[in-house]
Structure formats: structure tokens, C-alpha cells
């Protein structure tokens, strides 16, 4: 329980310090630069996620096509055996 209290106090202290740093013009610039870098990082992560999602969707489409083709060939083989 103590560690949770220290964690919460650390977060609150960080917000207080950030508030005071933001009041200073130099601090405001530093925080704006940090915010821009975080935004750039999240954009890159989002782009990578969308690329992976597209790759998985293409793979799933290929598997569906292969499964449909296999089912069709199986049906044709069963028909030829029946005849």
C-alpha cells in the first residue's frame, strides 16, 4: 500500500512541477518540444500498427482463397469418385 501512495504522490508532484515549468517561457518551449516528439512517436507507432494490420488482412485473404480453392478441389474430387 505504501508503494501505491508513493506512486500517486510522484505523479501528483510531477504534474505540479510540470505546471511551474510551463509558466517559464524556456520551460514552455521544452515541454512543447517533448509534446511534439511524443506526437511523432505515437504517429510512427500508429503507422506501423496499420501496416501490420494490412499485412495480416492480406494474409487472411490469401488463406481464405486457398481454403476455398481446396474445398472446391475436394468437391470436384468427390464428384469424380462418385461418377
N, C-alpha and C. Protein backbone atom coordinates (compact mmCIF):
# COMPACT_ATOMS: atom_id res chain seq x y z
N UNK A 1 0.82 -1.19 0.00
CA UNK A 1 0.00 0.00 0.00
C UNK A 1 0.87 1.26 0.00
N UNK A 2 2.03 1.17 0.67
CA UNK A 2 2.93 2.31 0.70
C UNK A 2 3.42 2.67 -0.70
N UNK A 3 3.71 1.64 -1.49
CA UNK A 3 4.23 1.90 -2.83
C UNK A 3 3.19 2.59 -3.70
N UNK A 4 1.93 2.26 -3.53
CA UNK A 4 0.87 2.91 -4.29
C UNK A 4 0.78 4.38 -3.89
N UNK A 5 0.89 4.64 -2.60
CA UNK A 5 0.86 6.02 -2.11
C UNK A 5 2.02 6.82 -2.70
N UNK A 6 3.23 6.26 -2.70
CA UNK A 6 4.39 6.95 -3.26
C UNK A 6 4.22 7.17 -4.75
N UNK A 7 3.64 6.19 -5.43
CA UNK A 7 3.39 6.32 -6.86
C UNK A 7 2.45 7.48 -7.14
N UNK A 8 1.36 7.56 -6.41
CA UNK A 8 0.37 8.63 -6.60
C UNK A 8 0.99 9.98 -6.26
N UNK A 9 1.75 10.03 -5.17
CA UNK A 9 2.42 11.29 -4.80
C UNK A 9 3.44 11.70 -5.87
N UNK A 10 4.13 10.75 -6.45
CA UNK A 10 5.09 11.06 -7.51
C UNK A 10 4.42 11.63 -8.74
N UNK A 11 3.29 11.04 -9.11
CA UNK A 11 2.55 11.55 -10.26
C UNK A 11 2.04 12.96 -9.99
N UNK A 12 1.47 13.16 -8.79
CA UNK A 12 0.96 14.49 -8.44
C UNK A 12 2.10 15.50 -8.42
N UNK A 13 3.23 15.13 -7.85
CA UNK A 13 4.39 16.03 -7.82
C UNK A 13 4.87 16.35 -9.22
N UNK A 14 4.86 15.37 -10.11
CA UNK A 14 5.26 15.60 -11.49
C UNK A 14 4.36 16.60 -12.19
N UNK A 15 3.06 16.51 -11.93
CA UNK A 15 2.14 17.48 -12.53
C UNK A 15 2.38 18.88 -11.99
N UNK A 16 2.65 18.98 -10.70
CA UNK A 16 2.91 20.30 -10.10
C UNK A 16 4.18 20.90 -10.71
N UNK A 17 5.25 20.10 -10.79
CA UNK A 17 6.50 20.60 -11.37
C UNK A 17 6.29 20.99 -12.83
N UNK A 18 5.58 20.18 -13.59
CA UNK A 18 5.33 20.49 -15.00
C UNK A 18 4.53 21.79 -15.13
N UNK A 19 3.62 22.03 -14.22
CA UNK A 19 2.83 23.26 -14.25
C UNK A 19 3.73 24.48 -14.05
N UNK A 20 4.63 24.40 -13.08
CA UNK A 20 5.54 25.52 -12.84
C UNK A 20 6.56 25.69 -13.97
N UNK A 21 7.03 24.59 -14.53
CA UNK A 21 7.97 24.68 -15.65
C UNK A 21 7.27 25.30 -16.85
N UNK A 22 6.02 25.00 -17.05
CA UNK A 22 5.26 25.51 -18.20
C UNK A 22 5.06 27.02 -18.11
N UNK A 23 5.08 27.58 -16.90
CA UNK A 23 4.91 29.03 -16.74
C UNK A 23 6.11 29.81 -17.28
N UNK A 24 7.29 29.22 -17.21
CA UNK A 24 8.51 29.87 -17.70
C UNK A 24 8.57 29.70 -19.22
N UNK A 25 8.91 30.76 -19.97
CA UNK A 25 8.95 30.63 -21.45
C UNK A 25 9.90 29.54 -21.93
N UNK A 26 11.07 29.43 -21.30
CA UNK A 26 12.01 28.38 -21.72
C UNK A 26 11.44 26.99 -21.40
N UNK A 27 10.82 26.88 -20.24
CA UNK A 27 10.21 25.61 -19.86
C UNK A 27 9.06 25.26 -20.78
N UNK A 28 8.31 26.28 -21.18
CA UNK A 28 7.19 26.06 -22.11
C UNK A 28 7.71 25.50 -23.44
N UNK A 29 8.84 26.06 -23.91
CA UNK A 29 9.43 25.56 -25.16
C UNK A 29 9.88 24.11 -25.02
N UNK A 30 10.50 23.80 -23.88
CA UNK A 30 10.96 22.42 -23.65
C UNK A 30 9.78 21.46 -23.63
N UNK A 31 8.73 21.84 -22.91
CA UNK A 31 7.55 20.96 -22.85
C UNK A 31 6.87 20.84 -24.21
N UNK A 32 6.87 21.91 -24.99
CA UNK A 32 6.29 21.85 -26.34
C UNK A 32 7.10 20.91 -27.23
N UNK A 33 8.43 20.95 -27.08
CA UNK A 33 9.28 20.05 -27.86
C UNK A 33 9.06 18.60 -27.45
N UNK A 34 8.93 18.36 -26.17
CA UNK A 34 8.66 16.99 -25.68
C UNK A 34 7.32 16.51 -26.22
N UNK A 35 6.32 17.39 -26.20
CA UNK A 35 5.00 17.03 -26.70
C UNK A 35 5.06 16.71 -28.20
N UNK A 36 5.84 17.48 -28.95
CA UNK A 36 5.98 17.22 -30.40
C UNK A 36 6.65 15.87 -30.64
N UNK A 37 7.66 15.56 -29.84
CA UNK A 37 8.35 14.28 -30.00
C UNK A 37 7.43 13.12 -29.64
N UNK A 38 6.64 13.29 -28.60
CA UNK A 38 5.69 12.24 -28.23
C UNK A 38 4.66 12.05 -29.34
N UNK A 39 4.18 13.15 -29.91
CA UNK A 39 3.23 13.07 -31.02
C UNK A 39 3.83 12.36 -32.22
N UNK A 40 5.10 12.66 -32.52
CA UNK A 40 5.77 12.00 -33.64
C UNK A 40 5.91 10.50 -33.38
N UNK A 41 6.26 10.16 -32.14
CA UNK A 41 6.40 8.75 -31.77
C UNK A 41 5.08 8.01 -31.91
N UNK A 42 4.00 8.59 -31.39
CA UNK A 42 2.71 7.91 -31.48
C UNK A 42 2.24 7.80 -32.93
N UNK A 43 2.57 8.79 -33.76
CA UNK A 43 2.23 8.70 -35.19
C UNK A 43 2.97 7.54 -35.84
N UNK A 44 4.25 7.39 -35.52
CA UNK A 44 5.03 6.28 -36.08
C UNK A 44 4.48 4.93 -35.61
N UNK A 45 4.13 4.84 -34.35
CA UNK A 45 3.56 3.59 -33.82
C UNK A 45 2.25 3.29 -34.53
N UNK A 46 1.42 4.30 -34.72
CA UNK A 46 0.15 4.11 -35.41
C UNK A 46 0.34 3.65 -36.85
N UNK A 47 1.31 4.26 -37.54
CA UNK A 47 1.59 3.85 -38.92
C UNK A 47 2.07 2.40 -38.98
N UNK A 48 2.95 2.03 -38.05
CA UNK A 48 3.46 0.65 -38.02
C UNK A 48 2.32 -0.32 -37.72
N UNK A 49 1.42 0.06 -36.82
CA UNK A 49 0.28 -0.79 -36.50
C UNK A 49 -0.60 -1.00 -37.73
N UNK A 50 -0.88 0.09 -38.44
CA UNK A 50 -1.73 -0.02 -39.63
C UNK A 50 -1.06 -0.86 -40.72
N UNK A 51 0.27 -0.76 -40.86
CA UNK A 51 0.98 -1.60 -41.82
C UNK A 51 0.86 -3.07 -41.46
N UNK A 52 1.04 -3.39 -40.19
CA UNK A 52 0.93 -4.78 -39.74
C UNK A 52 -0.50 -5.29 -39.91
N UNK A 53 -1.46 -4.44 -39.63
CA UNK A 53 -2.86 -4.83 -39.79
C UNK A 53 -3.17 -5.14 -41.25
N UNK A 54 -2.64 -4.32 -42.16
CA UNK A 54 -2.86 -4.56 -43.59
C UNK A 54 -2.19 -5.87 -44.02
N UNK A 55 -0.99 -6.13 -43.48
CA UNK A 55 -0.29 -7.38 -43.83
C UNK A 55 -1.09 -8.59 -43.33
N UNK A 56 -1.63 -8.49 -42.12
CA UNK A 56 -2.43 -9.61 -41.60
C UNK A 56 -3.71 -9.79 -42.39
N UNK A 57 -4.34 -8.69 -42.80
CA UNK A 57 -5.56 -8.80 -43.60
C UNK A 57 -5.26 -9.46 -44.95
N UNK A 58 -4.13 -9.11 -45.55
CA UNK A 58 -3.75 -9.74 -46.82
C UNK A 58 -3.48 -11.23 -46.62
N UNK A 59 -2.83 -11.58 -45.53
CA UNK A 59 -2.56 -12.99 -45.23
C UNK A 59 -3.86 -13.75 -45.01
N UNK A 60 -4.78 -13.16 -44.29
CA UNK A 60 -6.07 -13.81 -44.05
C UNK A 60 -6.84 -13.99 -45.36
N UNK A 61 -6.78 -13.00 -46.23
CA UNK A 61 -7.45 -13.12 -47.53
C UNK A 61 -6.83 -14.24 -48.35
N UNK A 62 -5.50 -14.36 -48.31
CA UNK A 62 -4.83 -15.45 -49.04
C UNK A 62 -5.24 -16.81 -48.48
N UNK A 63 -5.33 -16.91 -47.16
CA UNK A 63 -5.72 -18.18 -46.53
C UNK A 63 -7.16 -18.52 -46.90
N UNK A 64 -8.04 -17.52 -46.90
CA UNK A 64 -9.43 -17.78 -47.29
C UNK A 64 -9.52 -18.26 -48.73
N UNK A 65 -8.75 -17.62 -49.61
CA UNK A 65 -8.75 -18.04 -51.01
C UNK A 65 -8.24 -19.48 -51.15
N UNK A 66 -7.16 -19.79 -50.44
CA UNK A 66 -6.59 -21.15 -50.51
C UNK A 66 -7.57 -22.17 -49.95
N UNK A 67 -8.26 -21.82 -48.86
CA UNK A 67 -9.23 -22.74 -48.28
C UNK A 67 -10.41 -22.95 -49.22
N UNK A 68 -10.87 -21.89 -49.87
CA UNK A 68 -11.96 -22.02 -50.84
C UNK A 68 -11.56 -22.86 -52.02
N UNK A 69 -10.33 -22.66 -52.49
CA UNK A 69 -9.84 -23.46 -53.60
C UNK A 69 -9.71 -24.93 -53.20
N UNK A 70 -9.21 -25.19 -51.99
CA UNK A 70 -9.07 -26.57 -51.51
C UNK A 70 -10.44 -27.22 -51.38
N UNK A 71 -11.43 -26.48 -50.89
CA UNK A 71 -12.78 -27.03 -50.77
C UNK A 71 -13.36 -27.33 -52.14
N UNK A 72 -13.11 -26.46 -53.09
CA UNK A 72 -13.61 -26.67 -54.45
C UNK A 72 -12.98 -27.91 -55.08
N UNK A 73 -11.67 -28.06 -54.91
CA UNK A 73 -10.99 -29.23 -55.46
C UNK A 73 -11.45 -30.51 -54.77
N UNK A 74 -11.71 -30.43 -53.47
CA UNK A 74 -12.20 -31.59 -52.74
C UNK A 74 -13.59 -31.99 -53.25
N UNK A 75 -14.42 -31.00 -53.49
CA UNK A 75 -15.76 -31.28 -54.02
C UNK A 75 -15.67 -31.89 -55.42
N UNK A 76 -14.76 -31.38 -56.25
CA UNK A 76 -14.58 -31.94 -57.59
C UNK A 76 -14.06 -33.37 -57.51
N UNK A 77 -13.15 -33.62 -56.59
CA UNK A 77 -12.62 -34.99 -56.43
C UNK A 77 -13.71 -35.93 -55.96
N UNK A 78 -14.53 -35.47 -55.03
CA UNK A 78 -15.63 -36.32 -54.54
C UNK A 78 -16.62 -36.60 -55.66
N UNK A 79 -16.90 -35.60 -56.49
CA UNK A 79 -17.80 -35.81 -57.63
C UNK A 79 -17.23 -36.80 -58.63
N UNK A 80 -15.93 -36.70 -58.88
CA UNK A 80 -15.33 -37.64 -59.84
C UNK A 80 -15.28 -39.06 -59.29
N UNK A 81 -15.10 -39.19 -57.99
CA UNK A 81 -15.12 -40.52 -57.37
C UNK A 81 -16.52 -41.11 -57.42
N UNK A 82 -17.52 -40.27 -57.20
CA UNK A 82 -18.91 -40.70 -57.20
C UNK A 82 -19.31 -41.15 -58.60
N UNK A 83 -18.79 -40.52 -59.62
CA UNK A 83 -19.14 -40.87 -61.00
C UNK A 83 -18.45 -42.12 -61.37
